[in-house]
């Protein structure tokens, strides 16, 4: 295990996967400018490391993320243009592998949007989601209004957006927002187990599978099916090329070994 600690983010690298932990527990991991900057740095570090093929994102303490740091926003007179710049989402998109969100408590507004930027969500039994944009007088700009309805349905999403009422773990599971609900102590082990299963996949296929699903989901079915077929042919060709290259390397290594003998 390799670990680096910044002021607001912890990064642990393991065999094939990494764990990114938001680390402002006293502030419920609110998204200060410093935390957002460090999170982008850590995400880009993982993107540049071929040894990190799966990422787990979680929070330290009783919250996953409580959204933007409202005190910081008030002190800066709410520079809306800067706060709307979603560098985090772009950094998450640059990471080619799956991102597992381990939701350990409150995921509120910006924290809700951060969770929806993950590919798979596992929640503890204390997980809860809420969208307070309408209550505080702003519109979401990180994808919440577009992604949530596609996950749980239009009517349910409108209820969440327009009321600000929390969606608790069991209801989030029943609505399809969470893949699994587990106890607090089982949350990270369950996420690690899932990450290890993903790491066991063929690396180039795992990288290609994510855009295959995401891009195909936005297409009409009659366009998505032939597009999938084209991607499958390209992937098969890559797998064959890798097998041939490995066989050549094995033959070369065997010849060198026999020559040395």
Protein backbone atom coordinates (compact mmCIF):
# COMPACT_ATOMS: atom_id res chain seq x y z
CA UNK A 1 0.00 0.00 0.00
CA UNK A 2 1.24 3.46 -0.94
CA UNK A 3 -0.31 6.47 0.77
CA UNK A 4 -0.10 10.21 0.38
CA UNK A 5 -1.82 12.74 2.61
CA UNK A 6 -2.76 16.24 1.54
CA UNK A 7 -4.55 18.69 3.80
CA UNK A 8 -8.04 17.70 2.63
CA UNK A 9 -7.70 14.45 0.66
CA UNK A 10 -6.16 11.05 1.41
CA UNK A 11 -4.93 8.84 -1.42
CA UNK A 12 -4.08 5.17 -0.89
CA UNK A 13 -2.83 3.05 -3.78
CA UNK A 14 -3.17 -0.71 -3.62
CA UNK A 15 -2.65 -3.51 -6.13
CA UNK A 16 -4.71 -2.33 -9.10
CA UNK A 17 -6.98 0.10 -7.28
CA UNK A 18 -6.85 3.27 -5.19
CA UNK A 19 -8.95 4.73 -2.39
CA UNK A 20 -9.60 8.48 -2.41
CA UNK A 21 -10.99 9.84 0.86
CA UNK A 22 -12.37 13.34 1.35
CA UNK A 23 -10.82 14.41 4.64
CA UNK A 24 -12.58 17.36 6.22
CA UNK A 25 -14.67 15.38 8.73
CA UNK A 26 -15.35 18.34 11.03
CA UNK A 27 -16.90 20.18 8.07
CA UNK A 28 -18.71 17.07 6.76
CA UNK A 29 -16.22 17.05 3.86
CA UNK A 30 -17.68 20.25 2.45
CA UNK A 31 -16.21 21.19 -0.92
CA UNK A 32 -13.90 24.07 -0.16
CA UNK A 33 -11.76 25.41 -2.99
CA UNK A 34 -8.72 23.74 -1.40
CA UNK A 35 -10.44 20.36 -1.22
CA UNK A 36 -11.66 20.63 -4.81
CA UNK A 37 -8.17 21.47 -6.01
CA UNK A 38 -6.59 18.59 -4.09
CA UNK A 39 -9.22 16.17 -5.32
CA UNK A 40 -8.49 17.09 -8.94
CA UNK A 41 -4.75 16.65 -8.30
CA UNK A 42 -5.34 13.21 -6.75
CA UNK A 43 -7.69 12.14 -9.55
CA UNK A 44 -5.17 13.16 -12.21
CA UNK A 45 -2.45 11.31 -10.31
CA UNK A 46 -4.56 8.14 -10.53
CA UNK A 47 -5.32 8.76 -14.20
CA UNK A 48 -1.61 8.99 -14.97
CA UNK A 49 -0.78 5.79 -13.05
CA UNK A 50 -1.33 2.62 -15.15
CA UNK A 51 -1.28 0.61 -11.94
CA UNK A 52 -4.56 2.20 -10.82
CA UNK A 53 -7.38 0.65 -12.83
CA UNK A 54 -10.27 1.13 -10.36
CA UNK A 55 -10.98 3.96 -7.95
CA UNK A 56 -12.96 4.06 -4.71
CA UNK A 57 -14.23 7.48 -3.58
CA UNK A 58 -15.45 7.94 -0.02
CA UNK A 59 -15.52 10.41 2.87
CA UNK A 60 -14.00 10.49 6.33
CA UNK A 61 -16.38 10.82 9.25
CA UNK A 62 -20.18 10.92 9.29
CA UNK A 63 -20.64 12.40 5.82
CA UNK A 64 -19.64 11.53 2.30
CA UNK A 65 -19.86 15.18 1.27
CA UNK A 66 -22.14 17.99 2.45
CA UNK A 67 -21.77 20.01 -0.75
CA UNK A 68 -20.09 23.37 -1.12
CA UNK A 69 -18.52 25.10 1.86
CA UNK A 70 -21.24 27.69 2.51
CA UNK A 71 -19.11 29.74 4.91
CA UNK A 72 -16.40 30.07 2.27
CA UNK A 73 -19.01 31.00 -0.33
CA UNK A 74 -20.45 33.69 1.92
CA UNK A 75 -17.03 35.15 2.63
CA UNK A 76 -16.22 35.31 -1.08
CA UNK A 77 -19.60 36.84 -1.90
CA UNK A 78 -20.46 33.71 -3.89
CA UNK A 79 -18.31 33.88 -7.01
CA UNK A 80 -20.83 31.85 -9.01
CA UNK A 81 -18.71 31.56 -12.14
CA UNK A 82 -15.88 29.92 -10.21
CA UNK A 83 -18.16 27.62 -8.22
CA UNK A 84 -19.95 26.44 -11.38
CA UNK A 85 -16.66 25.32 -12.94
CA UNK A 86 -16.81 21.56 -12.44
CA UNK A 87 -13.15 20.65 -12.71
CA UNK A 88 -13.83 17.62 -10.49
CA UNK A 89 -16.27 16.04 -12.96
CA UNK A 90 -13.80 16.52 -15.81
CA UNK A 91 -11.03 14.96 -13.73
CA UNK A 92 -13.30 12.00 -12.93
CA UNK A 93 -14.08 11.63 -16.63
CA UNK A 94 -10.34 11.55 -17.41
CA UNK A 95 -9.99 8.46 -15.20
CA UNK A 96 -10.67 5.64 -17.64
CA UNK A 97 -11.58 2.92 -15.18
CA UNK A 98 -14.65 2.38 -12.99
CA UNK A 99 -15.19 4.66 -10.00
CA UNK A 100 -16.97 3.14 -7.01
CA UNK A 101 -18.66 5.60 -4.67
CA UNK A 102 -18.68 4.36 -1.07
CA UNK A 103 -21.34 6.64 0.40
CA UNK A 104 -20.78 6.68 4.15
CA UNK A 105 -23.35 9.27 5.21
CA UNK A 106 -24.78 12.56 3.96
CA UNK A 107 -24.40 13.29 0.23
CA UNK A 108 -25.99 16.70 -0.09
CA UNK A 109 -26.35 18.92 -3.18
CA UNK A 110 -22.76 19.17 -4.52
CA UNK A 111 -21.99 15.95 -2.66
CA UNK A 112 -25.00 14.34 -4.35
CA UNK A 113 -23.60 15.44 -7.71
CA UNK A 114 -20.18 14.06 -6.78
CA UNK A 115 -21.78 10.70 -5.99
CA UNK A 116 -23.60 10.65 -9.33
CA UNK A 117 -20.27 11.17 -11.12
CA UNK A 118 -19.27 7.69 -9.89
CA UNK A 119 -20.08 4.56 -11.90
CA UNK A 120 -21.34 2.35 -9.06
CA UNK A 121 -22.68 3.39 -5.66
CA UNK A 122 -22.56 1.39 -2.44
CA UNK A 123 -24.13 3.01 0.62
CA UNK A 124 -23.92 2.44 4.32
CA UNK A 125 -27.21 2.19 6.17
CA UNK A 126 -26.65 5.80 7.26
CA UNK A 127 -26.33 7.09 3.69
CA UNK A 128 -28.76 9.79 2.66
CA UNK A 129 -29.06 12.00 -0.40
CA UNK A 130 -30.61 15.45 -0.68
CA UNK A 131 -30.78 18.21 -3.27
CA UNK A 132 -31.12 21.67 -1.71
CA UNK A 133 -30.42 23.74 -4.84
CA UNK A 134 -33.98 25.08 -5.02
CA UNK A 135 -33.98 25.93 -1.32
CA UNK A 136 -30.82 28.04 -1.50
CA UNK A 137 -31.79 29.69 -4.78
CA UNK A 138 -29.44 28.25 -7.42
CA UNK A 139 -29.68 25.69 -10.20
CA UNK A 140 -27.39 22.65 -10.38
CA UNK A 141 -24.53 22.79 -12.85
CA UNK A 142 -22.73 19.51 -12.23
CA UNK A 143 -25.24 17.15 -13.86
CA UNK A 144 -27.66 16.46 -11.04
CA UNK A 145 -30.81 17.58 -12.91
CA UNK A 146 -29.90 15.37 -15.89
CA UNK A 147 -28.46 12.25 -14.27
CA UNK A 148 -30.89 11.65 -11.41
CA UNK A 149 -34.01 11.33 -13.58
CA UNK A 150 -32.21 8.80 -15.76
CA UNK A 151 -31.43 6.71 -12.68
CA UNK A 152 -34.65 6.82 -10.68
CA UNK A 153 -37.28 8.14 -13.13
CA UNK A 154 -38.58 11.60 -13.93
CA UNK A 155 -41.34 11.89 -11.33
CA UNK A 156 -39.22 10.65 -8.44
CA UNK A 157 -36.36 12.93 -9.45
CA UNK A 158 -38.67 15.95 -9.56
CA UNK A 159 -39.86 15.16 -6.04
CA UNK A 160 -36.23 15.06 -4.84
CA UNK A 161 -35.33 18.30 -6.63
CA UNK A 162 -38.43 20.32 -5.71
CA UNK A 163 -38.77 19.32 -2.03
CA UNK A 164 -35.19 19.04 -0.85
CA UNK A 165 -36.33 16.10 1.28
CA UNK A 166 -33.70 13.43 1.99
CA UNK A 167 -33.69 10.06 0.31
CA UNK A 168 -32.52 7.51 2.87
CA UNK A 169 -30.41 4.47 2.12
CA UNK A 170 -33.12 1.82 1.78
CA UNK A 171 -35.31 4.03 -0.39
CA UNK A 172 -32.26 4.94 -2.53
CA UNK A 173 -31.63 1.22 -3.00
CA UNK A 174 -35.26 0.50 -3.91
CA UNK A 175 -35.22 3.35 -6.43
CA UNK A 176 -32.04 2.07 -8.08
CA UNK A 177 -29.75 4.87 -6.90
CA UNK A 178 -27.66 2.56 -4.70
CA UNK A 179 -26.43 -0.84 -5.88
CA UNK A 180 -26.05 -2.16 -2.33
CA UNK A 181 -26.73 -1.07 1.25
CA UNK A 182 -24.41 -2.41 3.93
CA UNK A 183 -23.48 -1.62 7.51
CA UNK A 184 -20.98 1.15 8.27
CA UNK A 185 -18.23 -1.33 9.12
CA UNK A 186 -18.82 -3.33 5.94
CA UNK A 187 -18.89 -0.37 3.56
CA UNK A 188 -15.21 -0.05 2.67
CA UNK A 189 -14.55 -3.83 2.68
CA UNK A 190 -17.48 -4.28 0.28
CA UNK A 191 -16.14 -1.54 -1.98
CA UNK A 192 -12.64 -3.06 -1.89
CA UNK A 193 -14.04 -6.50 -2.73
CA UNK A 194 -15.87 -5.04 -5.71
CA UNK A 195 -12.75 -3.15 -6.83
CA UNK A 196 -10.64 -6.32 -6.66
CA UNK A 197 -13.15 -8.18 -8.81
CA UNK A 198 -12.99 -5.37 -11.37
CA UNK A 199 -9.19 -5.35 -11.27
CA UNK A 200 -9.26 -9.05 -12.21
CA UNK A 201 -10.73 -8.11 -15.61
CA UNK A 202 -8.55 -7.80 -18.73
CA UNK A 203 -7.17 -4.23 -18.40
CA UNK A 204 -7.83 -2.90 -21.90
CA UNK A 205 -11.33 -4.43 -21.93
CA UNK A 206 -12.14 -2.85 -18.56
CA UNK A 207 -11.05 0.56 -19.90
CA UNK A 208 -13.11 0.14 -23.07
CA UNK A 209 -16.25 -1.15 -21.32
CA UNK A 210 -17.00 2.09 -19.48
CA UNK A 211 -17.34 4.34 -22.57
CA UNK A 212 -19.07 1.47 -24.38
CA UNK A 213 -21.88 1.62 -21.83
CA UNK A 214 -21.92 5.37 -21.22
CA UNK A 215 -21.82 6.48 -24.85
CA UNK A 216 -24.17 3.76 -26.03
CA UNK A 217 -26.72 4.72 -23.35
CA UNK A 218 -27.14 8.12 -24.97
CA UNK A 219 -27.77 6.67 -28.44
CA UNK A 220 -30.98 5.27 -29.94
CA UNK A 221 -30.89 1.48 -29.82
CA UNK A 222 -30.65 1.12 -33.61
CA UNK A 223 -27.46 3.20 -33.52
CA UNK A 224 -26.06 1.73 -30.30
CA UNK A 225 -26.15 -1.91 -31.42
CA UNK A 226 -23.95 -1.53 -34.55
CA UNK A 227 -21.68 0.81 -32.59
CA UNK A 228 -21.26 -1.89 -29.92
CA UNK A 229 -20.47 -4.44 -32.62
CA UNK A 230 -17.74 -2.21 -34.06
CA UNK A 231 -16.21 -1.73 -30.61
CA UNK A 232 -16.32 -5.49 -29.97
CA UNK A 233 -14.44 -6.20 -33.21
CA UNK A 234 -11.76 -3.64 -32.30
CA UNK A 235 -11.45 -5.11 -28.81
CA UNK A 236 -11.10 -8.66 -30.16
CA UNK A 237 -8.35 -7.50 -32.49
CA UNK A 238 -6.54 -5.87 -29.58
CA UNK A 239 -6.86 -9.03 -27.48
CA UNK A 240 -5.46 -11.13 -30.32
CA UNK A 241 -2.55 -8.73 -30.81
CA UNK A 242 -1.78 -8.88 -27.07
CA UNK A 243 -1.84 -12.70 -27.14
CA UNK A 244 0.54 -12.82 -30.11
CA UNK A 245 2.89 -10.32 -28.49
CA UNK A 246 2.88 -12.31 -25.23
CA UNK A 247 3.58 -15.54 -27.11
CA UNK A 248 6.55 -13.93 -28.88
CA UNK A 249 7.87 -12.64 -25.56
CA UNK A 250 7.51 -16.10 -24.00
CA UNK A 251 9.35 -17.74 -26.91
CA UNK A 252 12.12 -15.13 -26.74
CA UNK A 253 12.47 -15.57 -22.98
CA UNK A 254 12.61 -19.35 -23.34
CA UNK A 255 15.29 -19.07 -26.05
CA UNK A 256 17.39 -16.78 -23.88
CA UNK A 257 17.06 -19.18 -20.95
CA UNK A 258 18.14 -22.18 -23.05
CA UNK A 259 21.08 -20.22 -24.47
CA UNK A 260 22.24 -19.25 -21.00
CA UNK A 261 22.16 -22.89 -19.96
